[in-house]
Amino acid sequence: ILVGGDGQLLKYFDSEAFAPAKALTKLAGIRHMKGKA
């Protein structure tokens, strides 16, 4: 996911980069879907 640009997670990242989604799961509203079969 793009972070640090275009209004995405600007309070954590000050320049644009790609972050793996699983690295963001400690943030509010982002989680692993543990019940998916």
PDB file of all heavy atoms in Angstrom:
ATOM      1  N   ILE A   1       0.865  -1.175   0.000  1.00  0.00           N
ATOM      2  CA  ILE A   1       0.000   0.000   0.000  1.00  0.00           C
ATOM      3  C   ILE A   1       0.905   1.229   0.000  1.00  0.00           C
ATOM      4  O   ILE A   1       1.918   1.269   0.706  1.00  0.00           O
ATOM      5  CB  ILE A   1      -0.884   0.003   1.282  1.00  0.00           C
ATOM      6  CG1 ILE A   1      -1.724  -1.285   1.375  1.00  0.00           C
ATOM      7  CG2 ILE A   1      -1.746   1.242   1.355  1.00  0.00           C
ATOM      8  CD1 ILE A   1      -2.722  -1.498   0.270  1.00  0.00           C
ATOM      9  N   LEU A   2       0.521   2.237  -0.773  1.00  0.00           N
ATOM     10  CA  LEU A   2       1.309   3.481  -0.777  1.00  0.00           C
ATOM     11  C   LEU A   2       1.101   4.202   0.559  1.00  0.00           C
ATOM     12  O   LEU A   2      -0.032   4.367   1.011  1.00  0.00           O
ATOM     13  CB  LEU A   2       0.885   4.395  -1.926  1.00  0.00           C
ATOM     14  CG  LEU A   2       1.772   5.636  -2.066  1.00  0.00           C
ATOM     15  CD1 LEU A   2       3.048   5.283  -2.812  1.00  0.00           C
ATOM     16  CD2 LEU A   2       1.043   6.746  -2.780  1.00  0.00           C
ATOM     17  N   VAL A   3       2.187   4.609   1.190  1.00  0.00           N
ATOM     18  CA  VAL A   3       2.136   5.378   2.437  1.00  0.00           C
ATOM     19  C   VAL A   3       2.937   6.666   2.244  1.00  0.00           C
ATOM     20  O   VAL A   3       3.812   6.732   1.376  1.00  0.00           O
ATOM     21  CB  VAL A   3       2.696   4.562   3.640  1.00  0.00           C
ATOM     22  CG1 VAL A   3       1.839   3.343   3.917  1.00  0.00           C
ATOM     23  CG2 VAL A   3       4.146   4.154   3.416  1.00  0.00           C
ATOM     24  N   GLY A   4       2.627   7.674   3.036  1.00  0.00           N
ATOM     25  CA  GLY A   4       3.405   8.908   2.995  1.00  0.00           C
ATOM     26  C   GLY A   4       3.117   9.801   1.803  1.00  0.00           C
ATOM     27  O   GLY A   4       3.869  10.724   1.527  1.00  0.00           O
ATOM     28  N   GLY A   5       2.020   9.566   1.113  1.00  0.00           N
ATOM     29  CA  GLY A   5       1.664  10.408  -0.026  1.00  0.00           C
ATOM     30  C   GLY A   5       0.172  10.392  -0.253  1.00  0.00           C
ATOM     31  O   GLY A   5      -0.531   9.470   0.172  1.00  0.00           O
ATOM     32  N   ASP A   6      -0.322  11.417  -0.884  1.00  0.00           N
ATOM     33  CA  ASP A   6      -1.730  11.513  -1.276  1.00  0.00           C
ATOM     34  C   ASP A   6      -2.679  11.270  -0.106  1.00  0.00           C
ATOM     35  O   ASP A   6      -3.704  10.616  -0.259  1.00  0.00           O
ATOM     36  CB  ASP A   6      -2.019  10.561  -2.437  1.00  0.00           C
ATOM     37  CG  ASP A   6      -3.208  11.044  -3.263  1.00  0.00           C
ATOM     38  OD1 ASP A   6      -3.276  12.246  -3.541  1.00  0.00           O
ATOM     39  OD2 ASP A   6      -4.059  10.209  -3.613  1.00  0.00           O
ATOM     40  N   GLY A   7      -2.323  11.754   1.067  1.00  0.00           N
ATOM     41  CA  GLY A   7      -3.193  11.657   2.243  1.00  0.00           C
ATOM     42  C   GLY A   7      -3.186  10.313   2.934  1.00  0.00           C
ATOM     43  O   GLY A   7      -4.014  10.069   3.809  1.00  0.00           O
ATOM     44  N   GLN A   8      -2.279   9.413   2.594  1.00  0.00           N
ATOM     45  CA  GLN A   8      -2.264   8.074   3.174  1.00  0.00           C
ATOM     46  C   GLN A   8      -1.176   7.932   4.237  1.00  0.00           C
ATOM     47  O   GLN A   8       0.019   7.944   3.921  1.00  0.00           O
ATOM     48  CB  GLN A   8      -2.098   7.025   2.067  1.00  0.00           C
ATOM     49  CG  GLN A   8      -3.287   6.997   1.145  1.00  0.00           C
ATOM     50  CD  GLN A   8      -3.281   5.877   0.134  1.00  0.00           C
ATOM     51  OE1 GLN A   8      -4.152   5.871  -0.694  1.00  0.00           O
ATOM     52  NE2 GLN A   8      -2.358   4.942   0.147  1.00  0.00           N
ATOM     53  N   LEU A   9      -1.615   7.823   5.484  1.00  0.00           N
ATOM     54  CA  LEU A   9      -0.740   7.622   6.651  1.00  0.00           C
ATOM     55  C   LEU A   9       0.366   8.669   6.734  1.00  0.00           C
ATOM     56  O   LEU A   9       1.516   8.359   7.059  1.00  0.00           O
ATOM     57  CB  LEU A   9      -0.167   6.203   6.664  1.00  0.00           C
ATOM     58  CG  LEU A   9      -1.213   5.080   6.772  1.00  0.00           C
ATOM     59  CD1 LEU A   9      -0.529   3.711   6.756  1.00  0.00           C
ATOM     60  CD2 LEU A   9      -2.077   5.228   8.011  1.00  0.00           C
ATOM     61  N   LEU A  10       0.010   9.903   6.472  1.00  0.00           N
ATOM     62  CA  LEU A  10       0.994  10.995   6.485  1.00  0.00           C
ATOM     63  C   LEU A  10       1.572  11.250   7.871  1.00  0.00           C
ATOM     64  O   LEU A  10       2.685  11.754   7.983  1.00  0.00           O
ATOM     65  CB  LEU A  10       0.362  12.275   5.939  1.00  0.00           C
ATOM     66  CG  LEU A  10      -0.043  12.221   4.468  1.00  0.00           C
ATOM     67  CD1 LEU A  10      -0.756  13.511   4.069  1.00  0.00           C
ATOM     68  CD2 LEU A  10       1.157  11.970   3.578  1.00  0.00           C
ATOM     69  N   LYS A  11       0.849  10.889   8.937  1.00  0.00           N
ATOM     70  CA  LYS A  11       1.397  11.149  10.275  1.00  0.00           C
ATOM     71  C   LYS A  11       2.500  10.162  10.643  1.00  0.00           C
ATOM     72  O   LYS A  11       3.228  10.376  11.590  1.00  0.00           O
ATOM     73  CB  LYS A  11       0.301  11.196  11.328  1.00  0.00           C
ATOM     74  CG  LYS A  11      -0.286   9.894  11.749  1.00  0.00           C
ATOM     75  CD  LYS A  11      -1.362  10.163  12.806  1.00  0.00           C
ATOM     76  CE  LYS A  11      -1.732   8.916  13.545  1.00  0.00           C
ATOM     77  NZ  LYS A  11      -2.705   9.181  14.590  1.00  0.00           N
ATOM     78  N   TYR A  12       2.637   9.085   9.876  1.00  0.00           N
ATOM     79  CA  TYR A  12       3.680   8.101  10.146  1.00  0.00           C
ATOM     80  C   TYR A  12       4.824   8.127   9.133  1.00  0.00           C
ATOM     81  O   TYR A  12       5.933   7.720   9.446  1.00  0.00           O
ATOM     82  CB  TYR A  12       3.102   6.685  10.155  1.00  0.00           C
ATOM     83  CG  TYR A  12       2.039   6.484  11.213  1.00  0.00           C
ATOM     84  CD1 TYR A  12       0.695   6.407  10.870  1.00  0.00           C
ATOM     85  CD2 TYR A  12       2.381   6.382  12.552  1.00  0.00           C
ATOM     86  CE1 TYR A  12      -0.275   6.226  11.839  1.00  0.00           C
ATOM     87  CE2 TYR A  12       1.423   6.205  13.520  1.00  0.00           C
ATOM     88  CZ  TYR A  12       0.092   6.126  13.159  1.00  0.00           C
ATOM     89  OH  TYR A  12      -0.862   5.954  14.115  1.00  0.00           O
ATOM     90  N   PHE A  13       4.538   8.569   7.911  1.00  0.00           N
ATOM     91  CA  PHE A  13       5.530   8.516   6.842  1.00  0.00           C
ATOM     92  C   PHE A  13       5.624   9.880   6.174  1.00  0.00           C
ATOM     93  O   PHE A  13       4.609  10.457   5.802  1.00  0.00           O
ATOM     94  CB  PHE A  13       5.133   7.452   5.796  1.00  0.00           C
ATOM     95  CG  PHE A  13       5.013   6.081   6.383  1.00  0.00           C
ATOM     96  CD1 PHE A  13       3.803   5.628   6.878  1.00  0.00           C
ATOM     97  CD2 PHE A  13       6.119   5.249   6.465  1.00  0.00           C
ATOM     98  CE1 PHE A  13       3.691   4.359   7.435  1.00  0.00           C
ATOM     99  CE2 PHE A  13       6.017   3.987   7.015  1.00  0.00           C
ATOM    100  CZ  PHE A  13       4.799   3.538   7.506  1.00  0.00           C
ATOM    101  N   ASP A  14       6.853  10.391   5.999  1.00  0.00           N
ATOM    102  CA  ASP A  14       7.006  11.722   5.417  1.00  0.00           C
ATOM    103  C   ASP A  14       7.411  11.697   3.949  1.00  0.00           C
ATOM    104  O   ASP A  14       7.590  12.736   3.335  1.00  0.00           O
ATOM    105  CB  ASP A  14       7.975  12.576   6.241  1.00  0.00           C
ATOM    106  CG  ASP A  14       9.321  11.899   6.452  1.00  0.00           C
ATOM    107  OD1 ASP A  14       9.558  10.848   5.837  1.00  0.00           O
ATOM    108  OD2 ASP A  14      10.115  12.424   7.235  1.00  0.00           O
ATOM    109  N   SER A  15       7.547  10.514   3.365  1.00  0.00           N
ATOM    110  CA  SER A  15       7.805  10.428   1.926  1.00  0.00           C
ATOM    111  C   SER A  15       7.109   9.175   1.383  1.00  0.00           C
ATOM    112  O   SER A  15       6.868   8.220   2.115  1.00  0.00           O
ATOM    113  CB  SER A  15       9.305  10.393   1.627  1.00  0.00           C
ATOM    114  OG  SER A  15       9.896   9.257   2.207  1.00  0.00           O
ATOM    115  N   GLU A  16       6.802   9.213   0.100  1.00  0.00           N
ATOM    116  CA  GLU A  16       6.074   8.108  -0.521  1.00  0.00           C
ATOM    117  C   GLU A  16       6.914   6.839  -0.580  1.00  0.00           C
ATOM    118  O   GLU A  16       8.085   6.871  -0.942  1.00  0.00           O
ATOM    119  CB  GLU A  16       5.660   8.478  -1.947  1.00  0.00           C
ATOM    120  CG  GLU A  16       4.526   9.448  -2.009  1.00  0.00           C
ATOM    121  CD  GLU A  16       4.008   9.651  -3.429  1.00  0.00           C
ATOM    122  OE1 GLU A  16       4.491   8.991  -4.378  1.00  0.00           O
ATOM    123  OE2 GLU A  16       3.104  10.478  -3.586  1.00  0.00           O
ATOM    124  N   ALA A  17       6.272   5.738  -0.209  1.00  0.00           N
ATOM    125  CA  ALA A  17       6.897   4.414  -0.289  1.00  0.00           C
ATOM    126  C   ALA A  17       5.768   3.389  -0.296  1.00  0.00           C
ATOM    127  O   ALA A  17       4.614   3.709  -0.004  1.00  0.00           O
ATOM    128  CB  ALA A  17       7.824   4.182   0.900  1.00  0.00           C
ATOM    129  N   PHE A  18       6.119   2.159  -0.623  1.00  0.00           N
ATOM    130  CA  PHE A  18       5.172   1.051  -0.536  1.00  0.00           C
ATOM    131  C   PHE A  18       5.437   0.284   0.748  1.00  0.00           C
ATOM    132  O   PHE A  18       6.590  -0.043   1.055  1.00  0.00           O
ATOM    133  CB  PHE A  18       5.317   0.097  -1.719  1.00  0.00           C
ATOM    134  CG  PHE A  18       4.652   0.574  -2.980  1.00  0.00           C
ATOM    135  CD1 PHE A  18       5.360   0.632  -4.159  1.00  0.00           C
ATOM    136  CD2 PHE A  18       3.309   0.927  -2.998  1.00  0.00           C
ATOM    137  CE1 PHE A  18       4.762   1.037  -5.338  1.00  0.00           C
ATOM    138  CE2 PHE A  18       2.691   1.333  -4.167  1.00  0.00           C
ATOM    139  CZ  PHE A  18       3.410   1.389  -5.338  1.00  0.00           C
ATOM    140  N   ALA A  19       4.358  -0.039   1.479  1.00  0.00           N
ATOM    141  CA  ALA A  19       4.464  -0.814   2.714  1.00  0.00           C
ATOM    142  C   ALA A  19       3.625  -2.076   2.588  1.00  0.00           C
ATOM    143  O   ALA A  19       2.471  -2.006   2.159  1.00  0.00           O
ATOM    144  CB  ALA A  19       3.965   0.015   3.895  1.00  0.00           C
ATOM    145  N   PRO A  20       4.167  -3.251   2.972  1.00  0.00           N
ATOM    146  CA  PRO A  20       3.360  -4.469   2.948  1.00  0.00           C
ATOM    147  C   PRO A  20       2.174  -4.320   3.909  1.00  0.00           C
ATOM    148  O   PRO A  20       2.336  -3.827   5.030  1.00  0.00           O
ATOM    149  CB  PRO A  20       4.314  -5.556   3.446  1.00  0.00           C
ATOM    150  CG  PRO A  20       5.678  -4.971   3.342  1.00  0.00           C
ATOM    151  CD  PRO A  20       5.519  -3.486   3.449  1.00  0.00           C
ATOM    152  N   ALA A  21       1.016  -4.751   3.472  1.00  0.00           N
ATOM    153  CA  ALA A  21      -0.202  -4.599   4.283  1.00  0.00           C
ATOM    154  C   ALA A  21      -0.044  -5.211   5.674  1.00  0.00           C
ATOM    155  O   ALA A  21      -0.495  -4.638   6.667  1.00  0.00           O
ATOM    156  CB  ALA A  21      -1.394  -5.209   3.551  1.00  0.00           C
ATOM    157  N   LYS A  22       0.631  -6.360   5.769  1.00  0.00           N
ATOM    158  CA  LYS A  22       0.752  -7.008   7.081  1.00  0.00           C
ATOM    159  C   LYS A  22       1.581  -6.184   8.062  1.00  0.00           C
ATOM    160  O   LYS A  22       1.456  -6.353   9.271  1.00  0.00           O
ATOM    161  CB  LYS A  22       1.311  -8.421   6.940  1.00  0.00           C
ATOM    162  CG  LYS A  22       2.755  -8.518   6.522  1.00  0.00           C
ATOM    163  CD  LYS A  22       3.144  -9.977   6.413  1.00  0.00           C
ATOM    164  CE  LYS A  22       4.586 -10.176   6.041  1.00  0.00           C
ATOM    165  NZ  LYS A  22       4.909 -11.617   5.997  1.00  0.00           N
ATOM    166  N   ALA A  23       2.381  -5.256   7.573  1.00  0.00           N
ATOM    167  CA  ALA A  23       3.175  -4.401   8.459  1.00  0.00           C
ATOM    168  C   ALA A  23       2.331  -3.285   9.070  1.00  0.00           C
ATOM    169  O   ALA A  23       2.764  -2.617  10.002  1.00  0.00           O
ATOM    170  CB  ALA A  23       4.342  -3.788   7.690  1.00  0.00           C
ATOM    171  N   LEU A  24       1.119  -3.089   8.549  1.00  0.00           N
ATOM    172  CA  LEU A  24       0.259  -1.997   9.007  1.00  0.00           C
ATOM    173  C   LEU A  24      -0.806  -2.459   9.995  1.00  0.00           C
ATOM    174  O   LEU A  24      -1.610  -1.650  10.462  1.00  0.00           O
ATOM    175  CB  LEU A  24      -0.427  -1.340   7.792  1.00  0.00           C
ATOM    176  CG  LEU A  24       0.514  -0.814   6.707  1.00  0.00           C
ATOM    177  CD1 LEU A  24      -0.296  -0.356   5.488  1.00  0.00           C
ATOM    178  CD2 LEU A  24       1.386   0.307   7.235  1.00  0.00           C
ATOM    179  N   THR A  25      -0.813  -3.739  10.355  1.00  0.00           N
ATOM    180  CA  THR A  25      -1.916  -4.298  11.138  1.00  0.00           C
ATOM    181  C   THR A  25      -1.971  -3.847  12.603  1.00  0.00           C
ATOM    182  O   THR A  25      -2.940  -4.157  13.285  1.00  0.00           O
ATOM    183  CB  THR A  25      -1.901  -5.844  11.086  1.00  0.00           C
ATOM    184  OG1 THR A  25      -0.634  -6.316  11.549  1.00  0.00           O
ATOM    185  CG2 THR A  25      -2.172  -6.347   9.680  1.00  0.00           C
ATOM    186  N   LYS A  26      -1.000  -3.115  13.059  1.00  0.00           N
ATOM    187  CA  LYS A  26      -1.077  -2.580  14.424  1.00  0.00           C
ATOM    188  C   LYS A  26      -1.826  -1.240  14.451  1.00  0.00           C
ATOM    189  O   LYS A  26      -2.103  -0.699  15.513  1.00  0.00           O
ATOM    190  CB  LYS A  26       0.324  -2.422  15.014  1.00  0.00           C
ATOM    191  CG  LYS A  26       0.940  -3.776  15.327  1.00  0.00           C
ATOM    192  CD  LYS A  26       2.162  -3.654  16.200  1.00  0.00           C
ATOM    193  CE  LYS A  26       2.560  -4.980  16.746  1.00  0.00           C
ATOM    194  NZ  LYS A  26       3.431  -5.778  15.999  1.00  0.00           N
ATOM    195  N   LEU A  27      -2.131  -0.713  13.271  1.00  0.00           N
ATOM    196  CA  LEU A  27      -2.855   0.552  13.182  1.00  0.00           C
ATOM    197  C   LEU A  27      -4.362   0.319  13.271  1.00  0.00           C
ATOM    198  O   LEU A  27      -4.856  -0.740  12.858  1.00  0.00           O
ATOM    199  CB  LEU A  27      -2.519   1.262  11.863  1.00  0.00           C
ATOM    200  CG  LEU A  27      -1.057   1.649  11.682  1.00  0.00           C
ATOM    201  CD1 LEU A  27      -0.831   2.225  10.291  1.00  0.00           C
ATOM    202  CD2 LEU A  27      -0.627   2.647  12.755  1.00  0.00           C
ATOM    203  N   ALA A  28      -5.069   1.303  13.788  1.00  0.00           N
ATOM    204  CA  ALA A  28      -6.526   1.207  13.913  1.00  0.00           C
ATOM    205  C   ALA A  28      -7.155   0.992  12.539  1.00  0.00           C
ATOM    206  O   ALA A  28      -6.787   1.642  11.568  1.00  0.00           O
ATOM    207  CB  ALA A  28      -7.080   2.479  14.545  1.00  0.00           C
ATOM    208  N   GLY A  29      -8.097   0.044  12.481  1.00  0.00           N
ATOM    209  CA  GLY A  29      -8.833  -0.196  11.249  1.00  0.00           C
ATOM    210  C   GLY A  29      -8.137  -1.097  10.244  1.00  0.00           C
ATOM    211  O   GLY A  29      -8.631  -1.288   9.140  1.00  0.00           O
ATOM    212  N   ILE A  30      -6.988  -1.664  10.619  1.00  0.00           N
ATOM    213  CA  ILE A  30      -6.262  -2.571   9.719  1.00  0.00           C
ATOM    214  C   ILE A  30      -5.948  -3.835  10.511  1.00  0.00           C
ATOM    215  O   ILE A  30      -5.320  -3.766  11.561  1.00  0.00           O
ATOM    216  CB  ILE A  30      -4.959  -1.929   9.190  1.00  0.00           C
ATOM    217  CG1 ILE A  30      -5.265  -0.600   8.491  1.00  0.00           C
ATOM    218  CG2 ILE A  30      -4.248  -2.898   8.247  1.00  0.00           C
ATOM    219  CD1 ILE A  30      -4.037   0.169   8.043  1.00  0.00           C
ATOM    220  N   ARG A  31      -6.419  -4.991   9.992  1.00  0.00           N
ATOM    221  CA  ARG A  31      -6.221  -6.230  10.741  1.00  0.00           C
ATOM    222  C   ARG A  31      -6.188  -7.436   9.814  1.00  0.00           C
ATOM    223  O   ARG A  31      -6.680  -7.385   8.695  1.00  0.00           O
ATOM    224  CB  ARG A  31      -7.328  -6.422  11.762  1.00  0.00           C
ATOM    225  CG  ARG A  31      -8.699  -6.616  11.126  1.00  0.00           C
ATOM    226  CD  ARG A  31      -9.781  -6.902  12.160  1.00  0.00           C
ATOM    227  NE  ARG A  31     -11.089  -6.967  11.576  1.00  0.00           N
ATOM    228  CZ  ARG A  31     -11.600  -8.026  10.948  1.00  0.00           C
ATOM    229  NH1 ARG A  31     -10.878  -9.119  10.821  1.00  0.00           N
ATOM    230  NH2 ARG A  31     -12.816  -8.003  10.447  1.00  0.00           N
ATOM    231  N   HIS A  32      -5.592  -8.514  10.325  1.00  0.00           N
ATOM    232  CA  HIS A  32      -5.635  -9.802   9.635  1.00  0.00           C
ATOM    233  C   HIS A  32      -7.040 -10.370   9.790  1.00  0.00           C
ATOM    234  O   HIS A  32      -7.659 -10.229  10.838  1.00  0.00           O
ATOM    235  CB  HIS A  32      -4.625 -10.792  10.233  1.00  0.00           C
ATOM    236  CG  HIS A  32      -3.220 -10.513   9.843  1.00  0.00           C
ATOM    237  ND1 HIS A  32      -2.721 -10.820   8.596  1.00  0.00           N
ATOM    238  CD2 HIS A  32      -2.201  -9.954  10.514  1.00  0.00           C
ATOM    239  CE1 HIS A  32      -1.450 -10.466   8.530  1.00  0.00           C
ATOM    240  NE2 HIS A  32      -1.114  -9.929   9.684  1.00  0.00           N
ATOM    241  N   MET A  33      -7.521 -11.031   8.769  1.00  0.00           N
ATOM    242  CA  MET A  33      -8.833 -11.670   8.798  1.00  0.00           C
ATOM    243  C   MET A  33      -8.641 -13.121   9.238  1.00  0.00           C
ATOM    244  O   MET A  33      -8.559 -14.026   8.418  1.00  0.00           O
ATOM    245  CB  MET A  33      -9.494 -11.560   7.428  1.00  0.00           C
ATOM    246  CG  MET A  33      -9.704 -10.119   7.006  1.00  0.00           C
ATOM    247  SD  MET A  33     -10.428  -9.991   5.366  1.00  0.00           S
ATOM    248  CE  MET A  33     -12.121 -10.455   5.738  1.00  0.00           C
ATOM    249  N   LYS A  34      -8.563 -13.321  10.542  1.00  0.00           N
ATOM    250  CA  LYS A  34      -8.207 -14.623  11.109  1.00  0.00           C
ATOM    251  C   LYS A  34      -9.240 -15.708  10.823  1.00  0.00           C
ATOM    252  O   LYS A  34      -8.905 -16.880  10.759  1.00  0.00           O
ATOM    253  CB  LYS A  34      -8.003 -14.488  12.619  1.00  0.00           C
ATOM    254  CG  LYS A  34      -6.856 -13.574  12.970  1.00  0.00           C
ATOM    255  CD  LYS A  34      -6.779 -13.345  14.453  1.00  0.00           C
ATOM    256  CE  LYS A  34      -5.724 -12.296  14.747  1.00  0.00           C
ATOM    257  NZ  LYS A  34      -5.806 -11.803  16.105  1.00  0.00           N
ATOM    258  N   GLY A  35     -10.492 -15.354  10.652  1.00  0.00           N
ATOM    259  CA  GLY A  35     -11.549 -16.344  10.458  1.00  0.00           C
ATOM    260  C   GLY A  35     -11.742 -16.806   9.026  1.00  0.00           C
ATOM    261  O   GLY A  35     -12.563 -17.686   8.775  1.00  0.00           O
ATOM    262  N   LYS A  36     -11.011 -16.259   8.094  1.00  0.00           N
ATOM    263  CA  LYS A  36     -11.173 -16.629   6.679  1.00  0.00           C
ATOM    264  C   LYS A  36     -10.687 -18.048   6.437  1.00  0.00           C
ATOM    265  O   LYS A  36      -9.573 -18.397   6.801  1.00  0.00           O
ATOM    266  CB  LYS A  36     -10.381 -15.688   5.770  1.00  0.00           C
ATOM    267  CG  LYS A  36     -11.078 -14.415   5.400  1.00  0.00           C
ATOM    268  CD  LYS A  36     -12.256 -14.730   4.555  1.00  0.00           C
ATOM    269  CE  LYS A  36     -12.604 -13.627   3.615  1.00  0.00           C
ATOM    270  NZ  LYS A  36     -13.866 -13.899   2.953  1.00  0.00           N
ATOM    271  N   ALA A  37     -11.530 -18.877   5.782  1.00  0.00           N
ATOM    272  CA  ALA A  37     -11.164 -20.260   5.482  1.00  0.00           C
ATOM    273  C   ALA A  37     -10.572 -20.404   4.088  1.00  0.00           C
ATOM    274  O   ALA A  37      -9.784 -21.306   3.833  1.00  0.00           O
ATOM    275  CB  ALA A  37     -12.384 -21.158   5.617  1.00  0.00           C
TER     276      ALA A  37
END
